[in-house]
Amino acid sequence: MHAPLHFDVVDLASATSRGGATYHVVHPGGRSYDTPPVNANTAEARRASRFEPRGHTAGRIDVAALREAARRAASDEYPHLLDLRRVPPAAAPRGGA
């Protein structure tokens, strides 16, 4: 697995990044916990330490390039793999003709 994971929230209409975060699969400092969390506050603190509010792309995004990369990356070789890079096709217009 590639880690850390970088997430971007992109507004497709304006082709700009609205924000994002970096998620570390394990503790970013390399800490390994020997015991499970003793309460909900400790568990929440551990989860929160994995997120950083930086590492995402800022500003304008080339949406056409993202769609092309998603099209190239789409593969029927692994049909049960959840590929979050795929861009869903445009929805059909509602209403009758």
PDB file of N, CA and C in Angstrom:
ATOM      1  N   MET A   1       0.840  -1.172   0.000  1.00  0.00           N
ATOM      2  CA  MET A   1       0.000   0.000   0.000  1.00  0.00           C
ATOM      3  C   MET A   1       0.889   1.242   0.000  1.00  0.00           C
ATOM      4  N   HIS A   2       0.466   2.215  -0.766  1.00  0.00           N
ATOM      5  CA  HIS A   2       1.188   3.476  -0.802  1.00  0.00           C
ATOM      6  C   HIS A   2       0.711   4.329   0.364  1.00  0.00           C
ATOM      7  N   ALA A   3       1.627   4.796   1.158  1.00  0.00           N
ATOM      8  CA  ALA A   3       1.244   5.595   2.326  1.00  0.00           C
ATOM      9  C   ALA A   3       2.247   6.721   2.481  1.00  0.00           C
ATOM     10  N   PRO A   4       1.886   7.862   2.952  1.00  0.00           N
ATOM     11  CA  PRO A   4       0.543   8.270   3.363  1.00  0.00           C
ATOM     12  C   PRO A   4      -0.356   8.531   2.160  1.00  0.00           C
ATOM     13  N   LEU A   5      -1.654   8.586   2.418  1.00  0.00           N
ATOM     14  CA  LEU A   5      -2.643   8.824   1.377  1.00  0.00           C
ATOM     15  C   LEU A   5      -2.975  10.311   1.333  1.00  0.00           C
ATOM     16  N   HIS A   6      -3.005  10.882   0.147  1.00  0.00           N
ATOM     17  CA  HIS A   6      -3.322  12.301  -0.026  1.00  0.00           C
ATOM     18  C   HIS A   6      -4.688  12.405  -0.695  1.00  0.00           C
ATOM     19  N   PHE A   7      -5.593  13.160  -0.083  1.00  0.00           N
ATOM     20  CA  PHE A   7      -6.939  13.335  -0.603  1.00  0.00           C
ATOM     21  C   PHE A   7      -7.145  14.784  -1.012  1.00  0.00           C
ATOM     22  N   ASP A   8      -7.782  14.971  -2.170  1.00  0.00           N
ATOM     23  CA  ASP A   8      -8.152  16.296  -2.649  1.00  0.00           C
ATOM     24  C   ASP A   8      -9.657  16.331  -2.863  1.00  0.00           C
ATOM     25  N   VAL A   9     -10.288  17.425  -2.469  1.00  0.00           N
ATOM     26  CA  VAL A   9     -11.694  17.660  -2.763  1.00  0.00           C
ATOM     27  C   VAL A   9     -11.707  18.678  -3.894  1.00  0.00           C
ATOM     28  N   VAL A  10     -12.182  18.247  -5.071  1.00  0.00           N
ATOM     29  CA  VAL A  10     -12.102  19.076  -6.269  1.00  0.00           C
ATOM     30  C   VAL A  10     -13.504  19.485  -6.708  1.00  0.00           C
ATOM     31  N   ASP A  11     -13.679  20.769  -6.953  1.00  0.00           N
ATOM     32  CA  ASP A  11     -14.914  21.289  -7.534  1.00  0.00           C
ATOM     33  C   ASP A  11     -14.756  21.199  -9.048  1.00  0.00           C
ATOM     34  N   LEU A  12     -15.475  20.255  -9.673  1.00  0.00           N
ATOM     35  CA  LEU A  12     -15.317  20.026 -11.103  1.00  0.00           C
ATOM     36  C   LEU A  12     -15.821  21.198 -11.939  1.00  0.00           C
ATOM     37  N   ALA A  13     -16.859  21.897 -11.458  1.00  0.00           N
ATOM     38  CA  ALA A  13     -17.424  23.005 -12.229  1.00  0.00           C
ATOM     39  C   ALA A  13     -16.429  24.151 -12.379  1.00  0.00           C
ATOM     40  N   SER A  14     -15.711  24.469 -11.312  1.00  0.00           N
ATOM     41  CA  SER A  14     -14.758  25.577 -11.380  1.00  0.00           C
ATOM     42  C   SER A  14     -13.314  25.096 -11.532  1.00  0.00           C
ATOM     43  N   ALA A  15     -13.101  23.793 -11.545  1.00  0.00           N
ATOM     44  CA  ALA A  15     -11.765  23.189 -11.699  1.00  0.00           C
ATOM     45  C   ALA A  15     -10.778  23.709 -10.668  1.00  0.00           C
ATOM     46  N   THR A  16     -11.232  23.786  -9.421  1.00  0.00           N
ATOM     47  CA  THR A  16     -10.347  24.216  -8.341  1.00  0.00           C
ATOM     48  C   THR A  16     -10.396  23.219  -7.195  1.00  0.00           C
ATOM     49  N   SER A  17      -9.318  23.184  -6.464  1.00  0.00           N
ATOM     50  CA  SER A  17      -9.248  22.351  -5.275  1.00  0.00           C
ATOM     51  C   SER A  17      -9.904  23.097  -4.128  1.00  0.00           C
ATOM     52  N   ARG A  18     -10.797  22.421  -3.420  1.00  0.00           N
ATOM     53  CA  ARG A  18     -11.490  23.027  -2.282  1.00  0.00           C
ATOM     54  C   ARG A  18     -10.840  22.668  -0.959  1.00  0.00           C
ATOM     55  N   GLY A  19      -9.897  21.770  -0.991  1.00  0.00           N
ATOM     56  CA  GLY A  19      -9.223  21.360   0.239  1.00  0.00           C
ATOM     57  C   GLY A  19      -8.774  19.924   0.128  1.00  0.00           C
ATOM     58  N   GLY A  20      -8.363  19.393   1.239  1.00  0.00           N
ATOM     59  CA  GLY A  20      -7.903  18.016   1.256  1.00  0.00           C
ATOM     60  C   GLY A  20      -7.140  17.738   2.524  1.00  0.00           C
ATOM     61  N   ALA A  21      -6.569  16.567   2.598  1.00  0.00           N
ATOM     62  CA  ALA A  21      -5.837  16.163   3.791  1.00  0.00           C
ATOM     63  C   ALA A  21      -4.867  15.046   3.435  1.00  0.00           C
ATOM     64  N   THR A  22      -3.992  14.774   4.376  1.00  0.00           N
ATOM     65  CA  THR A  22      -3.079  13.644   4.283  1.00  0.00           C
ATOM     66  C   THR A  22      -3.429  12.688   5.404  1.00  0.00           C
ATOM     67  N   TYR A  23      -3.602  11.418   5.075  1.00  0.00           N
ATOM     68  CA  TYR A  23      -3.920  10.400   6.067  1.00  0.00           C
ATOM     69  C   TYR A  23      -2.764   9.422   6.152  1.00  0.00           C
ATOM     70  N   HIS A  24      -2.252   9.252   7.359  1.00  0.00           N
ATOM     71  CA  HIS A  24      -1.180   8.288   7.604  1.00  0.00           C
ATOM     72  C   HIS A  24      -1.806   6.972   8.026  1.00  0.00           C
ATOM     73  N   VAL A  25      -1.428   5.885   7.386  1.00  0.00           N
ATOM     74  CA  VAL A  25      -1.988   4.579   7.692  1.00  0.00           C
ATOM     75  C   VAL A  25      -1.574   4.134   9.092  1.00  0.00           C
ATOM     76  N   VAL A  26      -0.404   4.513   9.501  1.00  0.00           N
ATOM     77  CA  VAL A  26       0.067   4.263  10.866  1.00  0.00           C
ATOM     78  C   VAL A  26       0.418   5.612  11.487  1.00  0.00           C
ATOM     79  N   HIS A  27       0.774   5.618  12.747  1.00  0.00           N
ATOM     80  CA  HIS A  27       1.141   6.858  13.425  1.00  0.00           C
ATOM     81  C   HIS A  27       2.266   7.540  12.655  1.00  0.00           C
ATOM     82  N   PRO A  28       2.135   8.854  12.360  1.00  0.00           N
ATOM     83  CA  PRO A  28       3.150   9.531  11.537  1.00  0.00           C
ATOM     84  C   PRO A  28       4.540   9.539  12.162  1.00  0.00           C
ATOM     85  N   GLY A  29       4.619   9.426  13.465  1.00  0.00           N
ATOM     86  CA  GLY A  29       5.922   9.394  14.120  1.00  0.00           C
ATOM     87  C   GLY A  29       6.490   8.000  14.248  1.00  0.00           C
ATOM     88  N   GLY A  30       5.747   7.003  13.760  1.00  0.00           N
ATOM     89  CA  GLY A  30       6.219   5.631  13.828  1.00  0.00           C
ATOM     90  C   GLY A  30       5.904   4.940  15.138  1.00  0.00           C
ATOM     91  N   ARG A  31       5.086   5.573  15.970  1.00  0.00           N
ATOM     92  CA  ARG A  31       4.763   4.988  17.264  1.00  0.00           C
ATOM     93  C   ARG A  31       3.886   3.760  17.085  1.00  0.00           C
ATOM     94  N   SER A  32       4.167   2.738  17.861  1.00  0.00           N
ATOM     95  CA  SER A  32       3.361   1.523  17.857  1.00  0.00           C
ATOM     96  C   SER A  32       2.753   1.368  19.244  1.00  0.00           C
ATOM     97  N   TYR A  33       1.435   1.291  19.293  1.00  0.00           N
ATOM     98  CA  TYR A  33       0.761   1.154  20.585  1.00  0.00           C
ATOM     99  C   TYR A  33       0.736  -0.309  20.995  1.00  0.00           C
ATOM    100  N   ASP A  34       1.086  -0.572  22.265  1.00  0.00           N
ATOM    101  CA  ASP A  34       1.113  -1.943  22.779  1.00  0.00           C
ATOM    102  C   ASP A  34      -0.249  -2.398  23.286  1.00  0.00           C
ATOM    103  N   THR A  35      -1.104  -1.452  23.642  1.00  0.00           N
ATOM    104  CA  THR A  35      -2.409  -1.789  24.212  1.00  0.00           C
ATOM    105  C   THR A  35      -3.507  -1.066  23.438  1.00  0.00           C
ATOM    106  N   PRO A  36      -4.713  -1.595  23.462  1.00  0.00           N
ATOM    107  CA  PRO A  36      -5.822  -0.883  22.828  1.00  0.00           C
ATOM    108  C   PRO A  36      -6.169   0.373  23.622  1.00  0.00           C
ATOM    109  N   PRO A  37      -6.870   1.317  23.012  1.00  0.00           N
ATOM    110  CA  PRO A  37      -7.242   2.532  23.732  1.00  0.00           C
ATOM    111  C   PRO A  37      -8.156   2.198  24.917  1.00  0.00           C
ATOM    112  N   VAL A  38      -7.985   2.930  26.017  1.00  0.00           N
ATOM    113  CA  VAL A  38      -8.746   2.638  27.244  1.00  0.00           C
ATOM    114  C   VAL A  38     -10.140   3.260  27.223  1.00  0.00           C
ATOM    115  N   ASN A  39     -10.343   4.301  26.396  1.00  0.00           N
ATOM    116  CA  ASN A  39     -11.663   4.920  26.314  1.00  0.00           C
ATOM    117  C   ASN A  39     -11.816   5.598  24.954  1.00  0.00           C
ATOM    118  N   ALA A  40     -12.987   6.166  24.727  1.00  0.00           N
ATOM    119  CA  ALA A  40     -13.278   6.789  23.439  1.00  0.00           C
ATOM    120  C   ALA A  40     -12.396   8.000  23.176  1.00  0.00           C
ATOM    121  N   ASN A  41     -12.050   8.743  24.198  1.00  0.00           N
ATOM    122  CA  ASN A  41     -11.191   9.924  24.011  1.00  0.00           C
ATOM    123  C   ASN A  41      -9.806   9.533  23.517  1.00  0.00           C
ATOM    124  N   THR A  42      -9.262   8.481  24.074  1.00  0.00           N
ATOM    125  CA  THR A  42      -7.947   8.005  23.642  1.00  0.00           C
ATOM    126  C   THR A  42      -8.006   7.492  22.202  1.00  0.00           C
ATOM    127  N   ALA A  43      -9.068   6.765  21.870  1.00  0.00           N
ATOM    128  CA  ALA A  43      -9.211   6.257  20.511  1.00  0.00           C
ATOM    129  C   ALA A  43      -9.334   7.405  19.516  1.00  0.00           C
ATOM    130  N   GLU A  44     -10.121   8.429  19.856  1.00  0.00           N
ATOM    131  CA  GLU A  44     -10.283   9.583  18.975  1.00  0.00           C
ATOM    132  C   GLU A  44      -8.968  10.328  18.804  1.00  0.00           C
ATOM    133  N   ALA A  45      -8.194  10.460  19.857  1.00  0.00           N
ATOM    134  CA  ALA A  45      -6.897  11.135  19.767  1.00  0.00           C
ATOM    135  C   ALA A  45      -5.946  10.367  18.853  1.00  0.00           C
ATOM    136  N   ARG A  46      -5.987   9.049  18.924  1.00  0.00           N
ATOM    137  CA  ARG A  46      -5.133   8.245  18.043  1.00  0.00           C
ATOM    138  C   ARG A  46      -5.536   8.408  16.584  1.00  0.00           C
ATOM    139  N   ARG A  47      -6.850   8.404  16.328  1.00  0.00           N
ATOM    140  CA  ARG A  47      -7.321   8.588  14.953  1.00  0.00           C
ATOM    141  C   ARG A  47      -6.961   9.975  14.436  1.00  0.00           C
ATOM    142  N   ALA A  48      -7.154  10.979  15.270  1.00  0.00           N
ATOM    143  CA  ALA A  48      -6.881  12.358  14.847  1.00  0.00           C
ATOM    144  C   ALA A  48      -5.407  12.575  14.543  1.00  0.00           C
ATOM    145  N   SER A  49      -4.526  11.855  15.216  1.00  0.00           N
ATOM    146  CA  SER A  49      -3.087  12.044  14.979  1.00  0.00           C
ATOM    147  C   SER A  49      -2.668  11.547  13.599  1.00  0.00           C
ATOM    148  N   ARG A  50      -3.511  10.761  12.949  1.00  0.00           N
ATOM    149  CA  ARG A  50      -3.176  10.244  11.618  1.00  0.00           C
ATOM    150  C   ARG A  50      -3.489  11.224  10.497  1.00  0.00           C
ATOM    151  N   PHE A  51      -4.306  12.242  10.761  1.00  0.00           N
ATOM    152  CA  PHE A  51      -4.681  13.214   9.738  1.00  0.00           C
ATOM    153  C   PHE A  51      -3.839  14.473   9.844  1.00  0.00           C
ATOM    154  N   GLU A  52      -3.478  15.034   8.699  1.00  0.00           N
ATOM    155  CA  GLU A  52      -2.800  16.329   8.639  1.00  0.00           C
ATOM    156  C   GLU A  52      -3.556  17.195   7.641  1.00  0.00           C
ATOM    157  N   PRO A  53      -3.804  18.457   7.971  1.00  0.00           N
ATOM    158  CA  PRO A  53      -4.545  19.320   7.045  1.00  0.00           C
ATOM    159  C   PRO A  53      -3.666  19.912   5.950  1.00  0.00           C
ATOM    160  N   ARG A  54      -2.700  19.181   5.492  1.00  0.00           N
ATOM    161  CA  ARG A  54      -1.816  19.665   4.415  1.00  0.00           C
ATOM    162  C   ARG A  54      -1.429  18.481   3.541  1.00  0.00           C
ATOM    163  N   GLY A  55      -0.776  18.790   2.435  1.00  0.00           N
ATOM    164  CA  GLY A  55      -0.336  17.742   1.525  1.00  0.00           C
ATOM    165  C   GLY A  55      -1.222  17.599   0.310  1.00  0.00           C
ATOM    166  N   HIS A  56      -2.291  18.398   0.234  1.00  0.00           N
ATOM    167  CA  HIS A  56      -3.177  18.311  -0.917  1.00  0.00           C
ATOM    168  C   HIS A  56      -2.774  19.348  -1.958  1.00  0.00           C
ATOM    169  N   THR A  57      -3.346  19.226  -3.144  1.00  0.00           N
ATOM    170  CA  THR A  57      -3.081  20.153  -4.229  1.00  0.00           C
ATOM    171  C   THR A  57      -3.883  21.428  -4.009  1.00  0.00           C
ATOM    172  N   ALA A  58      -3.251  22.562  -4.145  1.00  0.00           N
ATOM    173  CA  ALA A  58      -3.940  23.841  -3.952  1.00  0.00           C
ATOM    174  C   ALA A  58      -4.149  24.530  -5.297  1.00  0.00           C
ATOM    175  N   GLY A  59      -5.231  25.297  -5.391  1.00  0.00           N
ATOM    176  CA  GLY A  59      -5.462  26.108  -6.583  1.00  0.00           C
ATOM    177  C   GLY A  59      -6.194  25.381  -7.685  1.00  0.00           C
ATOM    178  N   ARG A  60      -5.900  25.773  -8.928  1.00  0.00           N
ATOM    179  CA  ARG A  60      -6.598  25.220 -10.092  1.00  0.00           C
ATOM    180  C   ARG A  60      -6.100  23.811 -10.402  1.00  0.00           C
ATOM    181  N   ILE A  61      -7.025  22.987 -10.884  1.00  0.00           N
ATOM    182  CA  ILE A  61      -6.751  21.590 -11.213  1.00  0.00           C
ATOM    183  C   ILE A  61      -7.110  21.376 -12.683  1.00  0.00           C
ATOM    184  N   ASP A  62      -6.276  20.629 -13.398  1.00  0.00           N
ATOM    185  CA  ASP A  62      -6.573  20.281 -14.780  1.00  0.00           C
ATOM    186  C   ASP A  62      -7.501  19.067 -14.771  1.00  0.00           C
ATOM    187  N   VAL A  63      -8.812  19.328 -14.784  1.00  0.00           N
ATOM    188  CA  VAL A  63      -9.811  18.267 -14.683  1.00  0.00           C
ATOM    189  C   VAL A  63      -9.746  17.344 -15.891  1.00  0.00           C
ATOM    190  N   ALA A  64      -9.491  17.879 -17.069  1.00  0.00           N
ATOM    191  CA  ALA A  64      -9.398  17.037 -18.267  1.00  0.00           C
ATOM    192  C   ALA A  64      -8.268  16.018 -18.122  1.00  0.00           C
ATOM    193  N   ALA A  65      -7.153  16.436 -17.564  1.00  0.00           N
ATOM    194  CA  ALA A  65      -6.033  15.507 -17.355  1.00  0.00           C
ATOM    195  C   ALA A  65      -6.401  14.443 -16.319  1.00  0.00           C
ATOM    196  N   LEU A  66      -7.147  14.821 -15.284  1.00  0.00           N
ATOM    197  CA  LEU A  66      -7.594  13.842 -14.288  1.00  0.00           C
ATOM    198  C   LEU A  66      -8.509  12.800 -14.923  1.00  0.00           C
ATOM    199  N   ARG A  67      -9.441  13.259 -15.745  1.00  0.00           N
ATOM    200  CA  ARG A  67     -10.356  12.330 -16.406  1.00  0.00           C
ATOM    201  C   ARG A  67      -9.609  11.401 -17.361  1.00  0.00           C
ATOM    202  N   GLU A  68      -8.635  11.930 -18.073  1.00  0.00           N
ATOM    203  CA  GLU A  68      -7.852  11.101 -18.993  1.00  0.00           C
ATOM    204  C   GLU A  68      -7.035  10.067 -18.226  1.00  0.00           C
ATOM    205  N   ALA A  69      -6.432  10.474 -17.114  1.00  0.00           N
ATOM    206  CA  ALA A  69      -5.658   9.536 -16.301  1.00  0.00           C
ATOM    207  C   ALA A  69      -6.568   8.462 -15.719  1.00  0.00           C
ATOM    208  N   ALA A  70      -7.774   8.840 -15.305  1.00  0.00           N
ATOM    209  CA  ALA A  70      -8.725   7.863 -14.777  1.00  0.00           C
ATOM    210  C   ALA A  70      -9.165   6.895 -15.865  1.00  0.00           C
ATOM    211  N   ARG A  71      -9.364   7.407 -17.082  1.00  0.00           N
ATOM    212  CA  ARG A  71      -9.754   6.547 -18.190  1.00  0.00           C
ATOM    213  C   ARG A  71      -8.656   5.531 -18.500  1.00  0.00           C
ATOM    214  N   ARG A  72      -7.401   5.986 -18.511  1.00  0.00           N
ATOM    215  CA  ARG A  72      -6.276   5.084 -18.785  1.00  0.00           C
ATOM    216  C   ARG A  72      -6.097   4.059 -17.678  1.00  0.00           C
ATOM    217  N   ALA A  73      -6.369   4.487 -16.424  1.00  0.00           N
ATOM    218  CA  ALA A  73      -6.153   3.595 -15.287  1.00  0.00           C
ATOM    219  C   ALA A  73      -7.270   2.578 -15.120  1.00  0.00           C
ATOM    220  N   ALA A  74      -8.442   2.868 -15.704  1.00  0.00           N
ATOM    221  CA  ALA A  74      -9.567   1.945 -15.580  1.00  0.00           C
ATOM    222  C   ALA A  74      -9.211   0.627 -16.252  1.00  0.00           C
ATOM    223  N   SER A  75      -9.432  -0.442 -15.539  1.00  0.00           N
ATOM    224  CA  SER A  75      -9.061  -1.745 -16.067  1.00  0.00           C
ATOM    225  C   SER A  75     -10.107  -2.768 -15.652  1.00  0.00           C
ATOM    226  N   ASP A  76     -10.440  -3.664 -16.575  1.00  0.00           N
ATOM    227  CA  ASP A  76     -11.351  -4.753 -16.252  1.00  0.00           C
ATOM    228  C   ASP A  76     -10.585  -5.962 -15.736  1.00  0.00           C
ATOM    229  N   GLU A  77      -9.271  -5.814 -15.579  1.00  0.00           N
ATOM    230  CA  GLU A  77      -8.451  -6.923 -15.108  1.00  0.00           C
ATOM    231  C   GLU A  77      -8.774  -7.281 -13.664  1.00  0.00           C
ATOM    232  N   TYR A  78      -9.144  -6.275 -12.843  1.00  0.00           N
ATOM    233  CA  TYR A  78      -9.484  -6.489 -11.441  1.00  0.00           C
ATOM    234  C   TYR A  78     -10.900  -5.960 -11.204  1.00  0.00           C
ATOM    235  N   PRO A  79     -11.936  -6.731 -11.556  1.00  0.00           N
ATOM    236  CA  PRO A  79     -13.298  -6.193 -11.501  1.00  0.00           C
ATOM    237  C   PRO A  79     -13.806  -5.927 -10.085  1.00  0.00           C
ATOM    238  N   HIS A  80     -13.246  -6.544  -9.059  1.00  0.00           N
ATOM    239  CA  HIS A  80     -13.754  -6.365  -7.697  1.00  0.00           C
ATOM    240  C   HIS A  80     -12.924  -5.371  -6.884  1.00  0.00           C
ATOM    241  N   LEU A  81     -11.992  -4.700  -7.534  1.00  0.00           N
ATOM    242  CA  LEU A  81     -11.152  -3.723  -6.871  1.00  0.00           C
ATOM    243  C   LEU A  81     -11.855  -2.368  -6.866  1.00  0.00           C
ATOM    244  N   LEU A  82     -11.928  -1.729  -5.713  1.00  0.00           N
ATOM    245  CA  LEU A  82     -12.514  -0.394  -5.622  1.00  0.00           C
ATOM    246  C   LEU A  82     -11.429   0.612  -5.995  1.00  0.00           C
ATOM    247  N   ASP A  83     -11.565   1.198  -7.151  1.00  0.00           N
ATOM    248  CA  ASP A  83     -10.588   2.163  -7.651  1.00  0.00           C
ATOM    249  C   ASP A  83     -11.155   3.565  -7.463  1.00  0.00           C
ATOM    250  N   LEU A  84     -10.668   4.294  -6.481  1.00  0.00           N
ATOM    251  CA  LEU A  84     -11.190   5.619  -6.174  1.00  0.00           C
ATOM    252  C   LEU A  84     -10.715   6.683  -7.145  1.00  0.00           C
ATOM    253  N   ARG A  85      -9.837   6.323  -8.075  1.00  0.00           N
ATOM    254  CA  ARG A  85      -9.365   7.297  -9.058  1.00  0.00           C
ATOM    255  C   ARG A  85     -10.351   7.471 -10.188  1.00  0.00           C
ATOM    256  N   ARG A  86     -11.258   6.542 -10.377  1.00  0.00           N
ATOM    257  CA  ARG A  86     -12.195   6.604 -11.493  1.00  0.00           C
ATOM    258  C   ARG A  86     -13.160   7.770 -11.328  1.00  0.00           C
ATOM    259  N   VAL A  87     -13.433   8.422 -12.426  1.00  0.00           N
ATOM    260  CA  VAL A  87     -14.406   9.505 -12.447  1.00  0.00           C
ATOM    261  C   VAL A  87     -15.686   8.933 -13.026  1.00  0.00           C
ATOM    262  N   PRO A  88     -16.805   9.012 -12.284  1.00  0.00           N
ATOM    263  CA  PRO A  88     -18.037   8.429 -12.825  1.00  0.00           C
ATOM    264  C   PRO A  88     -18.476   9.162 -14.080  1.00  0.00           C
ATOM    265  N   PRO A  89     -19.117   8.451 -15.024  1.00  0.00           N
ATOM    266  CA  PRO A  89     -19.573   9.110 -16.239  1.00  0.00           C
ATOM    267  C   PRO A  89     -20.657  10.123 -15.908  1.00  0.00           C
ATOM    268  N   ALA A  90     -20.828  11.091 -16.775  1.00  0.00           N
ATOM    269  CA  ALA A  90     -21.840  12.117 -16.547  1.00  0.00           C
ATOM    270  C   ALA A  90     -23.213  11.474 -16.494  1.00  0.00           C
ATOM    271  N   ALA A  91     -24.021  11.929 -15.556  1.00  0.00           N
ATOM    272  CA  ALA A  91     -25.352  11.353 -15.379  1.00  0.00           C
ATOM    273  C   ALA A  91     -26.235  11.756 -16.557  1.00  0.00           C
ATOM    274  N   ALA A  92     -27.120  10.852 -16.925  1.00  0.00           N
ATOM    275  CA  ALA A  92     -28.070  11.133 -18.004  1.00  0.00           C
ATOM    276  C   ALA A  92     -29.059  12.196 -17.542  1.00  0.00           C
ATOM    277  N   PRO A  93     -29.498  13.076 -18.422  1.00  0.00           N
ATOM    278  CA  PRO A  93     -30.445  14.107 -18.022  1.00  0.00           C
ATOM    279  C   PRO A  93     -31.769  13.489 -17.597  1.00  0.00           C
ATOM    280  N   ARG A  94     -32.386  14.067 -16.571  1.00  0.00           N
ATOM    281  CA  ARG A  94     -33.662  13.567 -16.062  1.00  0.00           C
ATOM    282  C   ARG A  94     -34.819  14.146 -16.851  1.00  0.00           C
ATOM    283  N   GLY A  95     -35.908  13.437 -16.822  1.00  0.00           N
ATOM    284  CA  GLY A  95     -37.104  13.932 -17.497  1.00  0.00           C
ATOM    285  C   GLY A  95     -37.278  13.262 -18.837  1.00  0.00           C
ATOM    286  N   GLY A  96     -38.478  13.303 -19.326  1.00  0.00           N
ATOM    287  CA  GLY A  96     -38.773  12.682 -20.609  1.00  0.00           C
ATOM    288  C   GLY A  96     -38.579  13.657 -21.762  1.00  0.00           C
ATOM    289  N   ALA A  97     -38.485  13.100 -22.938  1.00  0.00           N
ATOM    290  CA  ALA A  97     -38.302  13.946 -24.117  1.00  0.00           C
ATOM    291  C   ALA A  97     -39.606  14.148 -24.835  1.00  0.00           C
TER     292      ALA A  97
END
